[in-house]
Structure formats: structure tokens, C-alpha cells
Amino acid sequence: MGSIRNEPTLTLTRMTETVNQHSSEFLDEFILIEDEPLRKGEEGTPVNSRLEQLRAAVVVTREAVRAASITALELAAESAHFMGVVNTGGELVNPFENIEAAVWEEEDVPNQMLQAAYDYCEELTKREAANFYHSFKYLPNDQRRAICAYYAFCRRADDIADGDYVDVFPGAEGANDPEAIDYRRKLEELAAAKPVIERTEFEDKLAQLFFFRKKLSTAYNCVSSTDPIFLALKDVVTKYDIPREYMDDLISGMEDDLYTNRYETFEELYSYCYRVASTVGLVCIGIYGLECTAAEREFAEAWGIAMQLTNILRDVQEDAARDRIYLPMEDLERYGITEEDIMSGKKLLEHPGWQPFVEEYSQRVASYRDKGFKLLPLIPKQSRYSPAAMMAFYSSILRRIVKTGGDVFTERVKLSKAEKLTLAAGVYLRHRFFSF
């Protein structure tokens, strides 16, 4: 596979500065920088600027990790190995899984490798998000490939935080890695919160997200990751000028889930929704070709908030089973609903405050949804179907929840295949062939 070199480990860097020693001293110095209060989203609560600085400092360089070199000639000789993303058993396969290095030595990666990375992301999207992929497939080819690469990034981050997926960063020592330990120590100090999951699991997942963030840094510097998702993502953020802040925020939202399982106010919940959902809309409008004006960003942010709030209402029972309540506690309390009521499952339907709460909550969701709808006329017609279809699906789910009086307990609220096809056909005709 060409030459492989092993270099000293990097702790954290401030842009291009490399710190090989005294890592904790560097972190202490770094987080002493004070900024103006930061907000995540138009209506979110202020966030800890020092914590944001800590997260933004996570960077990997070619000099700091094991790097593999492969020439165009070697690639051609092993094209069968690199180009396949589905094995004979029909399973998804990382085309670079045999590379035992975190980054490539070369700055420019051959196009065949880049296309293999995109193929991997698209196949992952087809398998894990069939509904989303249905809307993606009508996008222009470059946009579809870009959206699939971005979806793969989001999917894997969520799988790490909320699933059993184990992400690999070659050369790292997992939760016992000195870098990961240093990062965890500072994060816990700044967040001033305890894990809401078992300690060992918390340390493992946080370490994975730390190295996942390191991979993200390669999309914004001269290094290319050997992870196909980040190889494709690097091309996406370069082509569509996507700010790293949006990507970092999504990972931060996943980290927050490890030590937050209650939200006292709607403003606190809004900040979380912004990180894990509004940033998705903000990335997508860049890929769709919008100029990302203030109005476009406002509508995209609202689109994400509406979708995430719908998810939260639909998944109340599932989240409660994991000791998570995303609905704002102070809003529930106004209707006399306690934590115990939420945990009671279907019995909540008998609570006199539940249906009124759902009606008020749904009206709030609808206000963000309606603002999100204002984005659609601004999107070029050839790209409009994808977001329009997603908005239509989520609007239908919300209407169904309200119609049943907030019954998200008897069965999971979802659309049948026939309902999706009918909705999709109507949206397609309206947004591809007719004017607003």
C-alpha cells in the first residue's frame, strides 16, 4: 500500500500551531480567551464560549498521525479493492478499510478514490434512510452526491452518540487515549454536568466523537482522511463553501446528549434543536445553491427546528424508555404534567393536561414549519422537490399526532408507503412543473 510513517501524537492545535507537550497547559491557555456571549439559533440560550473554543481547537495534521501514501499507479493496480462498496454478501463495505492510517500523505487524492468515497456515502444513505434518499434522488447529480455525503456524516455522528456503531480512528487508543482524556476532562469541567449514561459508555462515546471531530478537521485543511465519509465531505465543503461551524455544532449536539436528558425551558431545547437539526438545513441550502442570505438562513433554521420538534413529540415514549425527556419541563408543568406522567406511557393520554399541551406544542411547531415553507420559493426549481417532500412528510406526521389527541403511544406515528407515494407525487408535480 505504499509507505506508512508513524509520527508523534498531536494533542490539540490552535489552527496550525502544533502542541507536542504540556497539552493541559495549552488547553488552560486556550480557554482563557473570552468572547462575547454566543447563541446557537435565533431563540436559543447563550452557550459557554470557552466550551465552544475547546471544541473548535480539535484539529489533526499530517505530521501528527500515521499517514499512508498511495500513488495513482498503485490505485489503478488495486482499483478492484478500492472501488467496491458492496461485498458479495450485499453488505456495505468501506473501500479503504484495510488502510491502517488516519490520513493520506498526498494533498491531492485521485478522482477514482474520491468517487469511491461518494459511492460509499450514497449506498449508506440508500440503506439507512430510504425515505430521505427518495427525495434526494431527484436532485441534480452533484447535489445528490453531496447531500448523501453530508447525510452519511450526520448518520454516523448520531450512530455513535445514540447507537451501537463504533467509529475507528487508526492509531487512537479509544477512551484511554491521552488526547481523549484531556479533552474529556476539560469538557466536563466547562459543561459542569455529569453523564446521563453509564460512565464507561460515556467515556467511550465521547472519545469516539472527539476523534470524529478530528476527522472533520481534515475537511477544512490540507489533509485528507482515509475515512470515505470525510474524504467525500472535504470535497463537499470545498465545492459549496460550507462553514465548519455548522458541522462542529452537530457533533456538539451529539456530545450534549451524553450529559443532558432534561430541558427546563424551551430556549434550552431550541439551542439543542439548532445544533442537531437547524444546522442540517443551513448546510443543505448551501448545497442547493442559495446565497445564504439572512432571510434564507432564518427560514432554513426554522425548517430544522420544526422537523426536530416533530421528532421529539413523536418519540416521547421511546425517549422516556431511555430516561430522556426533551419536552420543556416548565411547559409540561403549566399543564400539571410531571416526569412520572411522561414515564407512564399510554396512561398519559388520560391526563387532562396532555391534549391541551400537545395542541399548544403543535401550534408552536406549525409556526416554525410555516416559516420554513418560505424557503421553498427561494430554492432553484430543480432542487426544490427534496426539501419540499421532507416538509410535506413531517407536516403530515404532525397533523396525525394532533388528530389522535397526542396518541404517540399506541403505535409509532408514521406514514404508510401508499401515503408517502401520494404525498411525494403531489409535491413533485407542484414543485417541478408548476409555479407558486
Protein backbone atom coordinates (compact mmCIF):
# COMPACT_ATOMS: atom_id res chain seq x y z
CA MET A 1 0.00 0.00 0.00
CA GLY A 2 2.97 2.32 -0.24
CA SER A 3 4.91 3.88 2.59
CA ILE A 4 3.50 4.34 6.06
CA ARG A 5 5.07 6.54 8.66
CA ASN A 6 4.36 6.85 12.34
CA GLU A 7 4.73 10.28 13.92
CA PRO A 8 4.24 11.66 17.46
CA THR A 9 0.67 12.23 18.60
CA LEU A 10 -0.88 15.67 18.42
CA THR A 11 -2.86 16.86 21.42
CA LEU A 12 -4.79 19.91 20.24
CA THR A 13 -3.84 22.72 17.91
CA ARG A 14 -4.80 26.30 17.51
CA MET A 15 -5.14 26.39 13.73
CA THR A 16 -1.64 25.48 12.50
CA GLU A 17 0.26 25.51 15.78
CA THR A 18 1.32 22.06 16.95
CA VAL A 19 1.49 21.20 20.62
CA ASN A 20 3.52 18.11 21.42
CA GLN A 21 3.98 18.73 25.14
CA HIS A 22 2.22 20.41 28.04
CA SER A 23 -1.18 19.75 26.48
CA SER A 24 -3.13 20.69 29.58
CA GLU A 25 -1.23 23.98 29.78
CA PHE A 26 -2.21 24.68 26.21
CA LEU A 27 -5.86 23.95 26.94
CA ASP A 28 -5.79 26.14 30.02
CA GLU A 29 -4.34 28.96 27.94
CA PHE A 30 -6.75 28.38 25.10
CA ILE A 31 -9.95 28.54 27.13
CA LEU A 32 -8.90 31.72 28.91
CA ILE A 33 -9.76 33.60 25.73
CA GLU A 34 -13.04 35.35 26.46
CA ASP A 35 -15.53 36.13 23.69
CA GLU A 36 -18.90 37.83 23.55
CA PRO A 37 -21.75 35.56 24.69
CA LEU A 38 -22.64 33.07 21.97
CA ARG A 39 -26.09 31.89 20.98
CA LYS A 40 -26.98 28.86 18.94
CA GLY A 41 -30.00 29.84 16.91
CA GLU A 42 -32.26 32.89 16.95
CA GLU A 43 -34.09 31.85 20.13
CA GLY A 44 -31.53 29.69 21.90
CA THR A 45 -29.89 30.31 25.25
CA PRO A 46 -26.32 31.65 25.45
CA VAL A 47 -23.73 28.89 25.30
CA ASN A 48 -20.38 28.55 27.05
CA SER A 49 -17.88 30.32 24.77
CA ARG A 50 -14.95 28.53 26.42
CA LEU A 51 -16.54 25.18 25.68
CA GLU A 52 -17.02 26.23 22.05
CA GLN A 53 -13.34 27.22 21.88
CA LEU A 54 -12.30 23.85 23.26
CA ARG A 55 -14.33 22.07 20.59
CA ALA A 56 -13.09 24.31 17.78
CA ALA A 57 -9.47 23.57 18.76
CA VAL A 58 -9.73 19.90 17.78
CA VAL A 59 -7.55 19.54 14.69
CA VAL A 60 -5.45 16.82 13.10
CA THR A 61 -2.36 17.38 10.93
CA ARG A 62 -0.40 15.06 8.68
CA GLU A 63 2.66 15.43 10.91
CA ALA A 64 0.75 14.30 13.99
CA VAL A 65 -0.73 10.97 12.96
CA ARG A 66 0.05 7.89 10.97
CA ALA A 67 -0.24 8.62 7.24
CA ALA A 68 -0.48 6.28 4.26
CA SER A 69 0.74 7.03 0.78
CA ILE A 70 -0.76 5.66 -2.40
CA THR A 71 0.15 6.74 -5.90
CA ALA A 72 -2.16 6.91 -8.87
CA LEU A 73 -0.35 3.88 -10.31
CA GLU A 74 -0.93 1.86 -7.13
CA LEU A 75 -4.55 2.90 -7.14
CA ALA A 76 -5.02 1.67 -10.68
CA ALA A 77 -3.41 -1.65 -9.77
CA GLU A 78 -5.80 -2.12 -6.85
CA SER A 79 -8.88 -0.49 -8.32
CA ALA A 80 -11.00 -3.57 -7.65
CA HIS A 81 -10.25 -3.24 -3.93
CA PHE A 82 -10.92 0.49 -3.79
CA MET A 83 -13.98 0.79 -5.98
CA GLY A 84 -16.24 -1.77 -4.33
CA VAL A 85 -18.60 -0.56 -1.60
CA VAL A 86 -20.87 -3.63 -1.52
CA ASN A 87 -19.44 -7.11 -0.95
CA THR A 88 -20.68 -10.38 -2.42
CA GLY A 89 -23.00 -10.80 0.56
CA GLY A 90 -24.68 -7.49 -0.18
CA GLU A 91 -23.14 -5.74 2.85
CA LEU A 92 -21.83 -2.18 2.81
CA VAL A 93 -18.03 -2.16 2.82
CA ASN A 94 -15.64 0.70 3.49
CA PRO A 95 -13.49 0.80 0.33
CA PHE A 96 -10.47 1.87 2.40
CA GLU A 97 -11.00 -0.42 5.38
CA ASN A 98 -7.55 -2.04 5.04
CA ILE A 99 -5.73 1.29 5.37
CA GLU A 100 -4.23 1.40 8.86
CA ALA A 101 -3.63 5.13 8.88
CA ALA A 102 -5.77 8.16 9.66
CA VAL A 103 -4.82 10.34 6.69
CA TRP A 104 -3.27 10.19 3.24
CA GLU A 105 0.20 11.60 2.72
CA GLU A 106 -0.77 13.26 -0.57
CA GLU A 107 -2.68 16.52 -0.56
CA ASP A 108 -4.46 15.63 -3.81
CA VAL A 109 -6.41 12.38 -3.78
CA PRO A 110 -7.05 10.69 -7.16
CA ASN A 111 -10.56 11.14 -8.52
CA GLN A 112 -11.21 7.38 -8.50
CA MET A 113 -10.77 7.34 -4.74
CA LEU A 114 -12.99 10.38 -4.32
CA GLN A 115 -15.74 8.79 -6.38
CA ALA A 116 -15.43 5.57 -4.37
CA ALA A 117 -15.92 7.65 -1.22
CA TYR A 118 -19.04 9.25 -2.69
CA ASP A 119 -20.32 5.80 -3.72
CA TYR A 120 -19.93 4.60 -0.14
CA CYS A 121 -21.89 7.58 1.23
CA GLU A 122 -24.68 7.17 -1.31
CA GLU A 123 -25.03 3.45 -0.63
CA LEU A 124 -25.09 4.13 3.12
CA THR A 125 -27.88 6.68 2.59
CA LYS A 126 -29.92 4.26 0.48
CA ARG A 127 -29.70 1.63 3.19
CA GLU A 128 -30.24 3.72 6.29
CA ALA A 129 -32.54 6.50 5.07
CA ALA A 130 -34.72 5.12 2.31
CA ASN A 131 -37.31 7.87 2.79
CA PHE A 132 -34.76 10.65 2.65
CA TYR A 133 -32.99 9.08 -0.30
CA HIS A 134 -36.23 9.02 -2.24
CA SER A 135 -36.28 12.81 -2.09
CA PHE A 136 -32.54 13.12 -2.66
CA LYS A 137 -32.51 11.09 -5.86
CA TYR A 138 -34.35 13.79 -7.81
CA LEU A 139 -31.64 16.35 -7.13
CA PRO A 140 -29.07 17.18 -9.81
CA ASN A 141 -26.30 14.57 -9.68
CA ASP A 142 -23.64 16.67 -7.93
CA GLN A 143 -26.11 17.90 -5.34
CA ARG A 144 -27.43 14.40 -4.71
CA ARG A 145 -23.94 13.06 -4.13
CA ALA A 146 -23.13 16.00 -1.85
CA ILE A 147 -26.30 15.59 0.20
CA CYS A 148 -25.61 11.87 0.60
CA ALA A 149 -22.08 12.60 1.84
CA TYR A 150 -23.46 15.07 4.35
CA TYR A 151 -26.19 12.65 5.41
CA ALA A 152 -23.55 9.96 5.99
CA PHE A 153 -21.69 12.37 8.28
CA CYS A 154 -24.87 13.12 10.26
CA ARG A 155 -25.89 9.46 10.38
CA ARG A 156 -22.58 8.27 11.76
CA ALA A 157 -22.43 11.03 14.38
CA ASP A 158 -25.89 10.02 15.58
CA ASP A 159 -24.99 6.33 15.47
CA ILE A 160 -22.02 6.98 17.75
CA ALA A 161 -23.99 9.04 20.27
CA ASP A 162 -27.25 7.14 20.23
CA GLY A 163 -26.48 3.68 18.87
CA ASP A 164 -24.04 0.81 18.90
CA TYR A 165 -21.88 1.95 16.00
CA VAL A 166 -18.16 2.05 16.80
CA ASP A 167 -16.17 4.58 14.81
CA VAL A 168 -12.48 3.92 14.22
CA PHE A 169 -9.63 6.42 14.19
CA PRO A 170 -6.46 4.49 13.26
CA GLY A 171 -3.74 4.88 15.85
CA ALA A 172 -6.01 6.12 18.62
CA GLU A 173 -6.42 4.35 21.95
CA GLY A 174 -10.12 5.00 22.38
CA ALA A 175 -11.29 6.28 25.75
CA ASN A 176 -7.79 5.67 27.17
CA ASP A 177 -6.09 7.88 24.60
CA PRO A 178 -4.27 10.78 26.33
CA GLU A 179 -5.84 13.28 23.94
CA ALA A 180 -9.33 11.95 24.55
CA ILE A 181 -8.79 12.01 28.31
CA ASP A 182 -7.51 15.58 28.21
CA TYR A 183 -10.48 16.68 26.09
CA ARG A 184 -12.97 14.87 28.35
CA ARG A 185 -11.50 16.42 31.48
CA LYS A 186 -11.84 19.94 30.12
CA LEU A 187 -15.28 19.35 28.63
CA GLU A 188 -16.67 18.03 31.91
CA GLU A 189 -15.14 20.95 33.77
CA LEU A 190 -16.64 23.51 31.41
CA ALA A 191 -20.01 21.82 30.94
CA ALA A 192 -20.35 21.43 34.73
CA ALA A 193 -22.59 18.40 34.18
CA LYS A 194 -22.47 14.69 34.87
CA PRO A 195 -23.05 11.93 32.32
CA VAL A 196 -26.63 10.72 31.99
CA ILE A 197 -25.47 7.32 30.78
CA GLU A 198 -23.19 4.73 32.39
CA ARG A 199 -19.69 6.18 32.95
CA THR A 200 -17.77 3.70 30.80
CA GLU A 201 -20.20 4.15 27.93
CA PHE A 202 -19.97 7.92 28.30
CA GLU A 203 -16.18 7.90 28.10
CA ASP A 204 -16.22 5.58 25.10
CA LYS A 205 -18.77 7.60 23.13
CA LEU A 206 -17.19 10.93 23.98
CA ALA A 207 -13.80 9.66 22.81
CA GLN A 208 -15.35 8.47 19.55
CA LEU A 209 -16.97 11.86 18.99
CA PHE A 210 -13.66 13.57 19.80
CA PHE A 211 -11.86 11.61 17.08
CA PHE A 212 -14.85 12.02 14.77
CA ARG A 213 -14.35 15.77 15.20
CA LYS A 214 -10.67 15.30 14.37
CA LYS A 215 -11.70 13.63 11.12
CA LEU A 216 -13.94 16.61 10.42
CA SER A 217 -10.95 18.94 10.70
CA THR A 218 -9.42 17.23 7.65
CA ALA A 219 -12.29 18.57 5.54
CA TYR A 220 -11.03 22.08 6.30
CA ASN A 221 -7.26 21.77 5.99
CA CYS A 222 -4.70 20.33 3.59
CA VAL A 223 -5.03 16.79 4.98
CA SER A 224 -7.37 14.12 3.57
CA SER A 225 -8.92 11.48 5.81
CA THR A 226 -8.84 7.78 4.95
CA ASP A 227 -12.47 7.62 6.13
CA PRO A 228 -14.59 7.72 2.93
CA ILE A 229 -17.24 9.90 4.58
CA PHE A 230 -14.75 12.65 5.35
CA LEU A 231 -12.96 12.26 2.04
CA ALA A 232 -16.25 12.98 0.26
CA LEU A 233 -17.22 15.64 2.80
CA LYS A 234 -13.98 17.52 2.15
CA ASP A 235 -14.98 17.83 -1.50
CA VAL A 236 -18.47 18.96 -0.50
CA VAL A 237 -17.41 21.73 1.90
CA THR A 238 -14.87 22.98 -0.63
CA LYS A 239 -17.29 22.97 -3.56
CA TYR A 240 -20.19 24.55 -1.68
CA ASP A 241 -18.28 26.68 0.84
CA ILE A 242 -19.89 25.12 3.92
CA PRO A 243 -18.75 26.70 7.23
CA ARG A 244 -17.14 24.30 9.69
CA GLU A 245 -19.19 25.81 12.50
CA TYR A 246 -22.32 24.03 11.23
CA MET A 247 -20.53 20.68 11.21
CA ASP A 248 -18.96 21.22 14.62
CA ASP A 249 -22.32 22.23 16.07
CA LEU A 250 -23.92 18.96 15.03
CA ILE A 251 -21.19 16.95 16.78
CA SER A 252 -21.58 19.22 19.82
CA GLY A 253 -25.29 18.41 19.89
CA MET A 254 -24.42 14.73 20.00
CA GLU A 255 -22.00 15.38 22.85
CA ASP A 256 -24.68 17.30 24.73
CA ASP A 257 -26.91 14.22 24.58
CA LEU A 258 -24.34 12.35 26.67
CA TYR A 259 -24.82 14.61 29.70
CA THR A 260 -28.26 16.17 29.16
CA ASN A 261 -31.56 14.31 29.38
CA ARG A 262 -33.87 17.09 30.56
CA TYR A 263 -34.56 20.59 29.23
CA GLU A 264 -36.04 23.05 31.69
CA THR A 265 -37.04 25.73 29.17
CA PHE A 266 -37.97 25.90 25.52
CA GLU A 267 -34.97 28.16 24.92
CA GLU A 268 -32.65 25.40 26.15
CA LEU A 269 -34.37 22.90 23.88
CA TYR A 270 -34.15 25.34 20.98
CA SER A 271 -30.36 25.50 21.30
CA TYR A 272 -30.20 21.70 21.14
CA CYS A 273 -32.55 21.57 18.14
CA TYR A 274 -30.47 24.20 16.39
CA ARG A 275 -27.33 22.10 16.75
CA VAL A 276 -28.78 18.78 15.61
CA ALA A 277 -31.37 19.95 13.05
CA SER A 278 -31.14 23.62 12.03
CA THR A 279 -27.51 23.18 11.06
CA VAL A 280 -28.70 20.49 8.65
CA GLY A 281 -30.99 22.98 6.92
CA LEU A 282 -28.21 25.57 6.84
CA VAL A 283 -25.82 23.11 5.17
CA CYS A 284 -28.48 21.99 2.71
CA ILE A 285 -29.30 25.47 1.43
CA GLY A 286 -25.63 25.91 0.59
CA ILE A 287 -25.69 22.68 -1.41
CA TYR A 288 -28.96 23.69 -3.09
CA GLY A 289 -27.18 26.73 -4.47
CA LEU A 290 -28.66 29.54 -2.37
CA GLU A 291 -26.60 32.58 -1.47
CA CYS A 292 -27.34 32.01 2.24
CA THR A 293 -28.74 35.48 2.87
CA ALA A 294 -30.01 36.40 6.33
CA ALA A 295 -33.59 35.59 5.30
CA GLU A 296 -32.59 32.24 3.79
CA ARG A 297 -30.67 31.31 6.93
CA GLU A 298 -33.65 32.29 9.09
CA PHE A 299 -36.02 30.09 7.07
CA ALA A 300 -33.57 27.18 7.00
CA GLU A 301 -33.12 27.42 10.77
CA ALA A 302 -36.89 27.34 11.28
CA TRP A 303 -37.20 24.35 8.94
CA GLY A 304 -34.80 22.37 11.09
CA ILE A 305 -36.49 23.41 14.34
CA ALA A 306 -39.90 22.28 13.05
CA MET A 307 -38.62 18.88 11.99
CA GLN A 308 -36.79 18.22 15.26
CA LEU A 309 -39.71 19.36 17.42
CA THR A 310 -41.94 16.98 15.45
CA ASN A 311 -39.48 14.14 16.07
CA ILE A 312 -39.43 14.93 19.79
CA LEU A 313 -43.22 14.77 20.11
CA ARG A 314 -43.47 11.61 18.04
CA ASP A 315 -40.73 9.86 20.05
CA VAL A 316 -41.89 10.76 23.59
CA GLN A 317 -42.43 7.14 24.59
CA GLU A 318 -39.21 5.85 23.05
CA ASP A 319 -37.17 8.61 24.69
CA ALA A 320 -38.84 8.12 28.08
CA ALA A 321 -37.82 4.46 27.99
CA ARG A 322 -34.22 5.73 27.88
CA ASP A 323 -34.85 8.22 30.72
CA ARG A 324 -34.90 11.16 28.30
CA ILE A 325 -37.49 13.93 28.28
CA TYR A 326 -36.93 16.51 25.58
CA LEU A 327 -40.25 18.32 26.05
CA PRO A 328 -39.58 21.51 28.08
CA MET A 329 -40.25 20.80 31.75
CA GLU A 330 -41.66 24.25 32.53
CA ASP A 331 -44.18 23.92 29.69
CA LEU A 332 -45.26 20.50 30.93
CA GLU A 333 -45.62 21.85 34.46
CA ARG A 334 -48.04 24.54 33.29
CA TYR A 335 -50.38 21.72 32.33
CA GLY A 336 -49.78 19.77 35.51
CA ILE A 337 -47.71 17.10 33.75
CA THR A 338 -44.87 15.59 35.78
CA GLU A 339 -41.86 13.47 34.87
CA GLU A 340 -43.72 10.46 36.26
CA ASP A 341 -46.63 11.19 33.91
CA ILE A 342 -44.30 11.20 30.90
CA MET A 343 -42.76 7.93 32.06
CA SER A 344 -46.19 6.31 32.44
CA GLY A 345 -46.55 5.76 28.71
CA LYS A 346 -50.07 5.35 27.36
CA LYS A 347 -51.56 6.39 30.70
CA LEU A 348 -50.53 9.94 29.79
CA LEU A 349 -53.46 10.02 27.34
CA GLU A 350 -55.78 10.06 30.37
CA HIS A 351 -54.10 13.13 31.84
CA PRO A 352 -56.35 16.20 31.39
CA GLY A 353 -53.37 18.37 30.50
CA TRP A 354 -51.81 16.20 27.80
CA GLN A 355 -54.09 17.03 24.86
CA PRO A 356 -54.04 20.80 25.56
CA PHE A 357 -50.26 20.63 25.87
CA VAL A 358 -49.99 18.79 22.55
CA GLU A 359 -52.22 21.38 20.87
CA GLU A 360 -50.11 24.27 22.13
CA TYR A 361 -46.85 22.50 21.31
CA SER A 362 -48.10 21.66 17.81
CA GLN A 363 -49.07 25.27 17.17
CA ARG A 364 -45.53 26.27 18.04
CA VAL A 365 -44.16 23.62 15.66
CA ALA A 366 -46.52 24.83 12.93
CA SER A 367 -45.24 28.39 13.30
CA TYR A 368 -41.68 27.24 12.61
CA ARG A 369 -42.90 24.97 9.81
CA ASP A 370 -44.71 27.86 8.13
CA LYS A 371 -41.59 29.98 8.34
CA GLY A 372 -39.62 27.09 6.85
CA PHE A 373 -42.07 26.89 3.95
CA LYS A 374 -40.95 30.39 2.95
CA LEU A 375 -37.63 28.88 1.98
CA LEU A 376 -39.07 26.77 -0.85
CA PRO A 377 -39.71 29.54 -3.46
CA LEU A 378 -36.10 30.67 -2.97
CA ILE A 379 -34.63 27.28 -3.91
CA PRO A 380 -33.96 26.64 -7.62
CA LYS A 381 -36.78 24.57 -9.09
CA GLN A 382 -34.53 21.62 -9.98
CA SER A 383 -33.57 21.28 -6.29
CA ARG A 384 -36.86 22.18 -4.66
CA TYR A 385 -38.54 18.77 -4.57
CA SER A 386 -36.19 17.29 -1.98
CA PRO A 387 -36.84 19.79 0.85
CA ALA A 388 -40.50 20.15 -0.15
CA ALA A 389 -41.05 16.40 0.17
CA MET A 390 -39.41 16.28 3.60
CA MET A 391 -41.52 19.21 4.79
CA ALA A 392 -44.68 17.54 3.49
CA PHE A 393 -43.88 14.25 5.26
CA TYR A 394 -43.25 15.93 8.60
CA SER A 395 -46.33 18.15 8.28
CA SER A 396 -48.46 15.04 7.75
CA ILE A 397 -46.95 13.35 10.81
CA LEU A 398 -47.68 16.41 12.95
CA ARG A 399 -51.29 16.58 11.72
CA ARG A 400 -51.78 12.91 12.54
CA ILE A 401 -50.48 13.37 16.08
CA VAL A 402 -52.86 16.28 16.67
CA LYS A 403 -55.78 14.39 15.12
CA THR A 404 -55.28 11.47 17.55
CA GLY A 405 -55.18 13.77 20.55
CA GLY A 406 -51.48 13.26 21.06
CA ASP A 407 -51.53 9.47 20.94
CA VAL A 408 -47.90 8.70 20.24
CA PHE A 409 -48.11 5.62 22.45
CA THR A 410 -50.42 3.07 20.82
CA GLU A 411 -48.14 2.77 17.80
CA ARG A 412 -45.35 4.75 16.23
CA VAL A 413 -46.82 7.58 14.18
CA LYS A 414 -45.64 7.16 10.61
CA LEU A 415 -46.88 7.34 7.05
CA SER A 416 -47.65 4.24 5.07
CA LYS A 417 -45.85 3.61 1.82
CA ALA A 418 -49.00 4.50 -0.12
CA GLU A 419 -49.37 7.77 1.81
CA LYS A 420 -45.75 8.68 1.15
CA LEU A 421 -46.10 7.94 -2.55
CA THR A 422 -49.26 10.03 -2.80
CA LEU A 423 -47.67 12.93 -0.96
CA ALA A 424 -44.47 12.65 -2.94
CA ALA A 425 -46.32 12.64 -6.26
CA GLY A 426 -48.26 15.77 -5.36
CA VAL A 427 -45.14 17.56 -4.16
CA TYR A 428 -43.18 16.50 -7.23
CA LEU A 429 -45.81 17.83 -9.64
CA ARG A 430 -46.19 21.09 -7.78
CA HIS A 431 -42.55 21.91 -7.28
CA ARG A 432 -41.06 20.59 -10.50
CA PHE A 433 -43.65 21.64 -13.05
CA PHE A 434 -45.83 24.37 -11.62
CA SER A 435 -45.07 27.81 -10.28
CA PHE A 436 -46.01 29.04 -6.82
